[in-house]
Amino acid sequence: MRKTLLALFFLGILYPATSQITLRMMTYNILNYNGSDANTARYADLRVIVNEVQPDFVVVQEINDAVGSELLLDSSFNVSGQTNFARATFVNGPDSDNMLFYRSDKLTLVSQAQISTPLRDITRYTLRSIHLGDTVEFSVFSMHLKAGNTASDETDRFNEISQFCSTIATIPNTENLIIAGDMNVYYSTESWYQKVTSTTCSHEFFDPINQPGVWNNNSSFIPIHTQSTRTSALPGCCGGSTGGLDDRFDLIHCNYNVMTGLQRMKVDASTYHAFGNDGNHFNLAINQAPTNSAVPVAVANALFNMSDHLPVVTDFILHADFSDVPDLSAAQGSVFWSGNTLLIKAIESGQHQAMVYDVSGRLVYTQHLNLQKGEQQIAFSPALSSGVYTVRISSSNSVFFNTTYRY
C-alpha cells in the first residue's frame, strides 16, 4: 500500500502535556461488609475516609452482597453534594467478593469479568477516561488472596496467582494493568509474589515504591504496614484481626506500561501510601496514643472502626490530550516513514514508544523504540487497512509532536 506522510516530526526534548489529569485510586479491605446486619452502620466511617482521601476510583474486598454495595454507594460515596459516583455490578462468587466504585464524571466502566481461582474470584474492571474525549483505558484487578502464614497457605496463594497469570495471558502487552487488594503476603520472597513480579507471569507487575523484604513485624517497614488497625486490648468490631500495625498485606502493583507511562497512563509513585499510617503506631492500634499525625482524630477513629486494614492510595497521571502540544519541529530531530522503515534522527538516546491510532482514537499498533543519538533505521510495518491514522512517538515522561498520515 502507498503511504502518504503528511507531517511527522520527532521532538528530542521534554515537553509537558498541558492537559494531563490525575486520577486517585484507593484499595481497601472493608472487613466482611454486608447490608443486612448490625455492622452496616460502618458506612458512616467509610464516608469520613472517602471524604478525606477524595478518590476517583476505589476497589474494595470483603464485600458480601449487592445490598451492602448499594448502601455504600448511597451513604459513603454520593454524599455531601457528590452525585457522580457509580458502582460495578455485584457478582456473588465463592467466599467474599470485590466491588468497584468510580466517579462517572471522570471514568466510564467499559467491562468487568471474573477470574475464578481455587479460593476467591479476582475481578477485572476495565475503565476508560472520559476527559475531553480521552481514550485512555486501564484494567484494575481486585484480589483477596488466601490468608495465613503456613506453607500450605503460601501454596494456596501461589495457585491463585498461577490461575490469574494463566487467565491474563491473552491480554495484549499494550494495555495498562493494575493489581490491587489484600494479598496476605508476609515477605517478597513468597513464591506467588516472585511469580507475579517476574516474567514467569504472563504480565509482569512492579511495586511502585520498590520495597522488597520481610514485611511481617519488621520495624524497617513501619510506614508501609496496613494491618492491623486494632490490638487485643482494642479489638474493634466485626471479627477483625487484632495484632496492631505490623504487616504489609495490602498492595497496588502496576505493569510496565503503567510504571513508565508508555500507554499514556503512569503511576505517581511519590503519592503511594498506606492511608492513616503515620509511622508511629508499630504494633499499636491506629487511633491509640500517640495521637495519629497523618490524619485527623475523626479519620483515625473511622479507620479503626471500619476495618482491620488500612487503605492504600496512589495517584495516576493520564496524558489525556496531546492536541495542543505545539510543533517545536525539525530543529530537534525528525522521523520519516519510508516503506517498512522509520528513518529517525534523534538528538539524544532513550526508550520510546511509537503508537498508531485510528480515526476513532483506538490504539491499533504499538512498537517499542530503543533510540540512539543520531541517525538510525528501525523496521516499522504495522498491518493496517487503508485509511487515515495518527502516529505518536513518546517516552515515559515526554510528549512529542504527533500527526496524521494516510495508509
Protein backbone atom coordinates (compact mmCIF):
# COMPACT_ATOMS: atom_id res chain seq x y z
CA MET A 1 0.00 0.00 0.00
CA ARG A 2 1.12 3.57 -0.63
CA LYS A 3 1.76 5.63 2.46
CA THR A 4 1.49 9.41 2.25
CA LEU A 5 3.21 11.11 5.12
CA LEU A 6 1.54 14.45 5.74
CA ALA A 7 3.92 15.56 8.53
CA LEU A 8 5.71 13.77 11.31
CA PHE A 9 8.43 15.31 13.44
CA PHE A 10 10.13 13.78 16.44
CA LEU A 11 10.91 16.06 19.38
CA GLY A 12 14.03 15.12 21.24
CA ILE A 13 13.33 17.41 24.21
CA LEU A 14 10.97 17.04 27.12
CA TYR A 15 7.70 18.90 26.77
CA PRO A 16 4.96 18.58 29.40
CA ALA A 17 1.38 17.95 28.31
CA THR A 18 -0.86 20.85 29.23
CA SER A 19 -3.91 18.62 29.63
CA GLN A 20 -2.62 15.99 32.00
CA ILE A 21 -5.15 14.83 34.55
CA THR A 22 -4.73 12.98 37.83
CA LEU A 23 -6.80 10.02 38.97
CA ARG A 24 -6.60 8.93 42.60
CA MET A 25 -7.06 5.25 43.40
CA MET A 26 -7.82 3.58 46.71
CA THR A 27 -7.88 -0.15 47.51
CA TYR A 28 -9.45 -1.25 50.78
CA ASN A 29 -10.38 -4.48 52.54
CA ILE A 30 -13.57 -3.37 54.30
CA LEU A 31 -13.86 -6.36 56.61
CA ASN A 32 -16.79 -8.64 55.90
CA TYR A 33 -19.24 -5.90 54.96
CA ASN A 34 -22.84 -6.60 54.09
CA GLY A 35 -26.09 -4.70 54.04
CA SER A 36 -28.15 -6.83 56.39
CA ASP A 37 -26.61 -6.89 59.84
CA ALA A 38 -25.91 -4.56 62.76
CA ASN A 39 -22.46 -3.61 61.37
CA THR A 40 -23.86 -1.85 58.32
CA ALA A 41 -23.56 1.49 60.18
CA ARG A 42 -19.88 1.44 59.26
CA TYR A 43 -20.90 3.21 56.06
CA ALA A 44 -20.57 6.39 58.13
CA ASP A 45 -16.92 5.54 58.84
CA LEU A 46 -16.22 4.90 55.17
CA ARG A 47 -17.88 8.23 54.38
CA VAL A 48 -15.34 10.01 56.61
CA ILE A 49 -12.45 8.16 54.95
CA VAL A 50 -13.65 8.84 51.40
CA ASN A 51 -14.17 12.50 52.19
CA GLU A 52 -10.56 12.74 53.40
CA VAL A 53 -8.97 10.73 50.55
CA GLN A 54 -11.09 12.17 47.70
CA PRO A 55 -10.56 9.13 45.44
CA ASP A 56 -11.65 8.90 41.82
CA PHE A 57 -11.94 5.11 41.83
CA VAL A 58 -11.94 2.56 44.64
CA VAL A 59 -11.75 -1.21 44.70
CA VAL A 60 -12.81 -2.99 47.87
CA GLN A 61 -12.51 -6.55 49.10
CA GLU A 62 -14.62 -8.48 51.63
CA ILE A 63 -17.93 -7.07 50.50
CA ASN A 64 -20.65 -9.69 50.71
CA ASP A 65 -23.80 -8.58 48.92
CA ALA A 66 -25.41 -6.19 46.48
CA VAL A 67 -27.40 -4.55 49.28
CA GLY A 68 -24.19 -3.56 51.03
CA SER A 69 -22.71 -2.34 47.74
CA GLU A 70 -25.66 -0.06 47.10
CA LEU A 71 -25.70 1.14 50.71
CA LEU A 72 -22.06 2.21 50.48
CA LEU A 73 -22.65 3.92 47.13
CA ASP A 74 -25.56 5.96 48.53
CA SER A 75 -24.26 6.56 52.06
CA SER A 76 -20.46 6.69 51.74
CA PHE A 77 -19.74 8.00 48.23
CA ASN A 78 -22.71 10.00 46.92
CA VAL A 79 -22.95 12.31 49.91
CA SER A 80 -22.10 15.93 50.79
CA GLY A 81 -23.19 17.16 47.38
CA GLN A 82 -21.39 14.43 45.40
CA THR A 83 -23.73 12.71 42.94
CA ASN A 84 -21.39 11.29 40.32
CA PHE A 85 -20.16 8.07 41.91
CA ALA A 86 -21.31 4.84 40.32
CA ARG A 87 -20.52 1.21 41.05
CA ALA A 88 -19.88 -2.00 39.21
CA THR A 89 -22.26 -4.97 39.20
CA PHE A 90 -22.03 -7.11 42.31
CA VAL A 91 -21.06 -10.70 41.50
CA ASN A 92 -21.57 -13.26 44.24
CA GLY A 93 -18.62 -15.60 43.94
CA PRO A 94 -17.22 -18.08 46.45
CA ASP A 95 -16.35 -16.60 49.86
CA SER A 96 -16.21 -12.77 49.98
CA ASP A 97 -16.28 -10.55 46.91
CA ASN A 98 -14.98 -7.41 45.22
CA MET A 99 -16.56 -4.12 44.25
CA LEU A 100 -15.58 -1.02 42.29
CA PHE A 101 -16.81 2.50 42.97
CA TYR A 102 -15.83 5.22 40.49
CA ARG A 103 -16.57 8.82 39.52
CA SER A 104 -18.73 8.62 36.41
CA ASP A 105 -17.91 12.23 35.52
CA LYS A 106 -14.27 11.17 35.03
CA LEU A 107 -14.44 7.50 34.10
CA THR A 108 -16.67 5.01 32.36
CA LEU A 109 -16.76 1.31 33.19
CA VAL A 110 -16.08 -0.47 29.92
CA SER A 111 -16.38 -4.03 31.23
CA GLN A 112 -15.91 -6.31 34.19
CA ALA A 113 -15.08 -10.01 34.37
CA GLN A 114 -14.48 -12.67 37.00
CA ILE A 115 -11.34 -14.79 37.18
CA SER A 116 -12.03 -17.97 39.12
CA THR A 117 -9.25 -19.23 41.39
CA PRO A 118 -9.11 -22.14 43.86
CA LEU A 119 -10.41 -19.82 46.59
CA ARG A 120 -11.96 -16.43 45.76
CA ASP A 121 -12.69 -14.73 42.47
CA ILE A 122 -10.40 -11.99 41.18
CA THR A 123 -12.43 -9.29 39.44
CA ARG A 124 -11.19 -7.33 36.45
CA TYR A 125 -12.61 -3.84 36.00
CA THR A 126 -11.73 -2.06 32.75
CA LEU A 127 -12.16 1.71 32.88
CA ARG A 128 -11.77 4.50 30.35
CA SER A 129 -11.03 8.14 31.00
CA ILE A 130 -13.68 10.44 29.55
CA HIS A 131 -11.71 13.66 30.00
CA LEU A 132 -12.13 15.77 26.85
CA GLY A 133 -12.99 12.74 24.77
CA ASP A 134 -9.96 10.82 26.05
CA THR A 135 -9.40 7.20 25.05
CA VAL A 136 -7.01 6.07 27.80
CA GLU A 137 -8.11 2.68 29.13
CA PHE A 138 -6.81 0.62 32.02
CA SER A 139 -7.77 -2.51 33.93
CA VAL A 140 -7.76 -2.95 37.70
CA PHE A 141 -7.74 -6.47 39.13
CA SER A 142 -9.16 -6.58 42.66
CA MET A 143 -7.98 -9.63 44.59
CA HIS A 144 -8.06 -11.11 48.07
CA LEU A 145 -5.57 -13.95 48.37
CA LYS A 146 -5.54 -16.78 50.92
CA ALA A 147 -4.80 -15.69 54.48
CA GLY A 148 -2.33 -17.38 56.80
CA ASN A 149 1.40 -17.83 57.22
CA THR A 150 1.81 -21.59 56.82
CA ALA A 151 3.49 -23.29 53.88
CA SER A 152 0.08 -24.55 52.81
CA ASP A 153 -1.31 -21.00 52.82
CA GLU A 154 1.55 -19.78 50.66
CA THR A 155 0.93 -22.65 48.25
CA ASP A 156 -2.72 -21.62 48.05
CA ARG A 157 -1.70 -18.07 47.20
CA PHE A 158 0.67 -19.38 44.56
CA ASN A 159 -2.13 -21.45 43.00
CA GLU A 160 -4.43 -18.42 42.93
CA ILE A 161 -1.81 -16.28 41.22
CA SER A 162 -0.91 -19.06 38.79
CA GLN A 163 -4.53 -19.15 37.67
CA PHE A 164 -4.52 -15.37 37.40
CA CYS A 165 -1.33 -15.31 35.30
CA SER A 166 -2.70 -18.00 33.02
CA THR A 167 -6.00 -16.20 32.51
CA ILE A 168 -4.49 -12.82 31.64
CA ALA A 169 -2.10 -14.32 29.08
CA THR A 170 -4.48 -13.30 26.28
CA ILE A 171 -4.34 -9.60 27.23
CA PRO A 172 -2.14 -7.64 24.78
CA ASN A 173 1.07 -6.21 26.20
CA THR A 174 -0.06 -2.75 25.11
CA GLU A 175 -2.65 -2.48 27.89
CA ASN A 176 -2.43 -0.64 31.21
CA LEU A 177 -2.82 -3.16 34.05
CA ILE A 178 -3.02 -2.72 37.83
CA ILE A 179 -3.39 -5.36 40.54
CA ALA A 180 -4.66 -4.33 43.95
CA GLY A 181 -6.06 -5.78 47.12
CA ASP A 182 -5.42 -7.75 50.26
CA MET A 183 -2.62 -10.12 49.27
CA ASN A 184 -1.95 -11.52 52.77
CA VAL A 185 1.75 -11.50 51.92
CA TYR A 186 4.45 -11.74 54.60
CA TYR A 187 7.63 -11.29 52.58
CA SER A 188 8.60 -10.56 49.00
CA THR A 189 10.30 -13.93 48.51
CA GLU A 190 6.98 -15.78 48.75
CA SER A 191 6.66 -17.97 45.67
CA TRP A 192 3.46 -16.38 44.40
CA TYR A 193 4.89 -12.87 44.80
CA GLN A 194 8.03 -13.85 42.93
CA LYS A 195 5.85 -15.18 40.11
CA VAL A 196 3.61 -12.17 39.66
CA THR A 197 6.54 -9.75 39.82
CA SER A 198 8.59 -11.57 37.18
CA THR A 199 8.35 -12.67 33.58
CA THR A 200 7.14 -16.11 34.71
CA CYS A 201 3.72 -14.44 34.89
CA SER A 202 2.25 -13.62 31.50
CA HIS A 203 2.34 -9.94 32.53
CA GLU A 204 4.98 -8.72 34.96
CA PHE A 205 3.90 -6.41 37.79
CA PHE A 206 6.06 -3.96 39.73
CA ASP A 207 5.96 -2.42 43.19
CA PRO A 208 5.76 1.36 42.59
CA ILE A 209 7.75 2.09 45.75
CA ASN A 210 10.21 -0.79 45.26
CA GLN A 211 10.19 -2.01 48.86
CA PRO A 212 11.04 -5.74 48.84
CA GLY A 213 11.80 -7.53 52.08
CA VAL A 214 10.37 -9.37 55.08
CA TRP A 215 7.47 -7.07 55.91
CA ASN A 216 5.93 -9.01 58.80
CA ASN A 217 6.62 -7.49 62.22
CA ASN A 218 9.64 -5.67 60.82
CA SER A 219 10.25 -2.15 62.08
CA SER A 220 12.19 -1.32 58.89
CA PHE A 221 8.87 -1.23 57.01
CA ILE A 222 6.73 0.59 59.58
CA PRO A 223 5.50 3.34 57.18
CA ILE A 224 4.01 0.87 54.69
CA HIS A 225 2.25 -1.54 57.08
CA THR A 226 -1.51 -1.81 56.51
CA GLN A 227 -2.75 -4.41 59.03
CA SER A 228 -3.96 -4.47 61.75
CA THR A 229 -5.59 -1.24 62.84
CA ARG A 230 -6.54 -2.92 66.16
CA THR A 231 -4.95 -4.70 69.12
CA SER A 232 -6.22 -7.34 71.50
CA ALA A 233 -6.85 -4.57 74.02
CA LEU A 234 -8.69 -2.51 71.38
CA PRO A 235 -10.33 -5.19 69.21
CA GLY A 236 -12.95 -3.10 67.39
CA CYS A 237 -15.90 -4.75 65.71
CA CYS A 238 -16.73 -7.38 63.21
CA GLY A 239 -14.20 -10.09 63.99
CA GLY A 240 -11.12 -8.48 62.50
CA SER A 241 -7.52 -9.28 63.34
CA THR A 242 -6.01 -7.56 66.36
CA GLY A 243 -2.23 -7.64 66.02
CA GLY A 244 -1.57 -3.92 65.66
CA LEU A 245 0.14 -2.43 62.61
CA ASP A 246 2.87 -4.88 61.62
CA ASP A 247 2.03 -6.33 58.16
CA ARG A 248 2.08 -5.06 54.59
CA PHE A 249 -0.86 -7.12 53.38
CA ASP A 250 -2.43 -4.57 51.04
CA LEU A 251 -0.73 -3.67 47.76
CA ILE A 252 -1.09 -1.82 44.49
CA HIS A 253 1.25 -3.07 41.74
CA CYS A 254 1.45 -1.96 38.10
CA ASN A 255 2.61 -3.44 34.82
CA TYR A 256 5.47 -1.95 32.81
CA ASN A 257 3.21 0.33 30.79
CA VAL A 258 1.78 1.98 33.91
CA MET A 259 5.19 2.19 35.58
CA THR A 260 6.67 4.00 32.58
CA GLY A 261 3.69 5.79 31.05
CA LEU A 262 4.23 4.15 27.66
CA GLN A 263 0.47 3.88 27.12
CA ARG A 264 -0.45 7.37 28.36
CA MET A 265 -1.01 6.37 31.99
CA LYS A 266 1.70 6.48 34.65
CA VAL A 267 1.66 5.79 38.38
CA ASP A 268 2.91 8.64 40.54
CA ALA A 269 4.96 6.58 42.98
CA SER A 270 5.59 9.63 45.18
CA THR A 271 1.90 9.58 46.19
CA TYR A 272 1.76 5.86 47.10
CA HIS A 273 0.98 5.42 50.81
CA ALA A 274 -0.84 3.41 53.45
CA PHE A 275 -3.51 5.94 54.31
CA GLY A 276 -3.52 6.78 58.01
CA ASN A 277 -0.15 5.21 58.79
CA ASP A 278 1.93 7.94 60.44
CA GLY A 279 4.90 5.68 61.19
CA ASN A 280 4.29 5.94 64.94
CA HIS A 281 1.89 3.02 65.50
CA PHE A 282 4.00 -0.08 65.04
CA ASN A 283 2.13 -2.92 66.83
CA LEU A 284 -0.42 -0.39 68.04
CA ALA A 285 -4.00 0.46 67.12
CA ILE A 286 -4.22 3.26 64.60
CA ASN A 287 -6.11 5.59 66.94
CA GLN A 288 -4.38 4.98 70.27
CA ALA A 289 -1.66 7.15 71.79
CA PRO A 290 0.39 8.79 70.44
CA THR A 291 -2.14 10.90 68.55
CA ASN A 292 -2.08 9.98 64.88
CA SER A 293 -0.16 12.68 62.99
CA ALA A 294 -1.12 11.52 59.48
CA VAL A 295 -4.87 12.12 59.68
CA PRO A 296 -7.33 13.99 61.92
CA VAL A 297 -8.59 12.19 65.03
CA ALA A 298 -12.01 11.61 63.46
CA VAL A 299 -10.39 9.91 60.47
CA ALA A 300 -8.16 7.73 62.66
CA ASN A 301 -11.26 6.64 64.58
CA ALA A 302 -13.10 5.90 61.33
CA LEU A 303 -10.17 3.77 60.10
CA PHE A 304 -10.22 1.85 63.38
CA ASN A 305 -13.99 1.29 63.21
CA MET A 306 -14.27 0.46 59.54
CA SER A 307 -11.75 -2.34 59.14
CA ASP A 308 -8.70 -4.14 60.47
CA HIS A 309 -6.87 -2.96 57.32
CA LEU A 310 -5.75 0.46 56.15
CA PRO A 311 -6.49 1.59 52.61
CA VAL A 312 -3.65 2.03 50.12
CA VAL A 313 -3.82 5.17 47.99
CA THR A 314 -1.89 6.34 44.95
CA ASP A 315 -2.32 8.75 42.04
CA PHE A 316 -2.06 8.08 38.33
CA ILE A 317 -1.23 10.68 35.69
CA LEU A 318 -3.01 10.49 32.34
CA HIS A 319 -1.64 12.31 29.32
CA ALA A 320 -5.16 12.94 28.23
CA ASP A 321 -4.95 15.41 25.37
CA PHE A 322 -1.99 15.89 23.04
CA SER A 323 -3.75 18.10 20.51
CA ASP A 324 -2.49 21.36 22.00
CA VAL A 325 1.21 20.45 22.03
CA PRO A 326 2.94 22.94 19.73
CA ASP A 327 5.19 21.98 16.85
CA LEU A 328 8.73 22.62 18.07
CA SER A 329 9.70 20.72 14.95
CA ALA A 330 12.60 19.90 12.78
CA ALA A 331 15.48 21.51 14.65
CA GLN A 332 15.01 18.93 17.38
CA GLY A 333 15.14 15.84 15.18
CA SER A 334 12.95 14.12 12.64
CA VAL A 335 11.10 10.95 11.73
CA PHE A 336 10.19 9.80 8.22
CA TRP A 337 8.41 6.64 7.18
CA SER A 338 9.98 5.07 4.11
CA GLY A 339 8.47 1.77 3.04
CA ASN A 340 8.66 -0.52 6.08
CA THR A 341 11.27 1.59 7.85
CA LEU A 342 11.28 4.58 10.18
CA LEU A 343 14.19 6.90 9.42
CA ILE A 344 14.90 8.68 12.68
CA LYS A 345 17.36 11.37 13.58
CA ALA A 346 17.31 11.88 17.36
CA ILE A 347 19.29 14.38 19.40
CA GLU A 348 19.51 12.05 22.42
CA SER A 349 19.25 8.35 23.27
CA GLY A 350 16.32 6.84 25.17
CA GLN A 351 13.44 4.39 25.38
CA HIS A 352 10.37 5.45 23.43
CA GLN A 353 7.11 4.09 22.12
CA ALA A 354 5.57 4.51 18.69
CA MET A 355 1.78 4.28 18.79
CA VAL A 356 -0.71 4.27 15.90
CA TYR A 357 -4.34 5.34 16.41
CA ASP A 358 -7.25 5.03 14.01
CA VAL A 359 -9.73 7.86 13.34
CA SER A 360 -11.85 6.86 16.35
CA GLY A 361 -8.86 7.24 18.66
CA ARG A 362 -8.44 3.50 19.19
CA LEU A 363 -4.86 2.28 19.64
CA VAL A 364 -4.25 -0.20 16.82
CA TYR A 365 -0.49 -0.69 16.89
CA THR A 366 2.42 -0.05 19.21
CA GLN A 367 6.13 -0.65 18.95
CA HIS A 368 8.94 -0.12 21.43
CA LEU A 369 11.81 2.04 20.15
CA ASN A 370 15.27 1.97 21.70
CA LEU A 371 16.59 5.14 20.12
CA GLN A 372 20.24 6.09 19.87
CA LYS A 373 21.52 9.62 19.41
CA GLY A 374 21.93 10.37 15.73
CA GLU A 375 20.53 8.76 12.58
CA GLN A 376 19.07 5.24 12.56
CA GLN A 377 16.69 2.99 10.66
CA ILE A 378 14.02 0.97 12.51
CA ALA A 379 11.71 -1.64 10.97
CA PHE A 380 8.13 -0.38 11.24
CA SER A 381 5.38 -2.16 9.29
CA PRO A 382 2.03 -2.33 11.10
CA ALA A 383 -0.65 -4.41 9.40
CA LEU A 384 -3.32 -1.78 8.78
CA SER A 385 -6.28 -1.43 6.48
CA SER A 386 -6.39 1.54 4.15
CA GLY A 387 -7.34 4.70 5.96
CA VAL A 388 -6.19 7.71 7.96
CA TYR A 389 -4.13 7.17 11.12
CA THR A 390 -2.28 9.19 13.74
CA VAL A 391 1.25 8.27 14.77
CA ARG A 392 2.58 9.40 18.13
CA ILE A 393 6.09 8.87 19.49
CA SER A 394 6.74 9.46 23.17
CA SER A 395 8.88 8.49 26.13
CA SER A 396 7.76 7.81 29.70
CA ASN A 397 7.86 11.47 30.74
CA SER A 398 7.71 13.31 27.45
CA VAL A 399 5.05 14.30 24.94
CA PHE A 400 6.15 14.56 21.32
CA PHE A 401 4.51 16.10 18.29
CA ASN A 402 2.17 13.69 16.52
CA THR A 403 0.40 13.92 13.22
CA THR A 404 -1.86 12.23 10.71
CA TYR A 405 -0.97 10.17 7.69
CA ARG A 406 -2.86 8.22 5.05
CA TYR A 407 -2.06 4.49 4.81
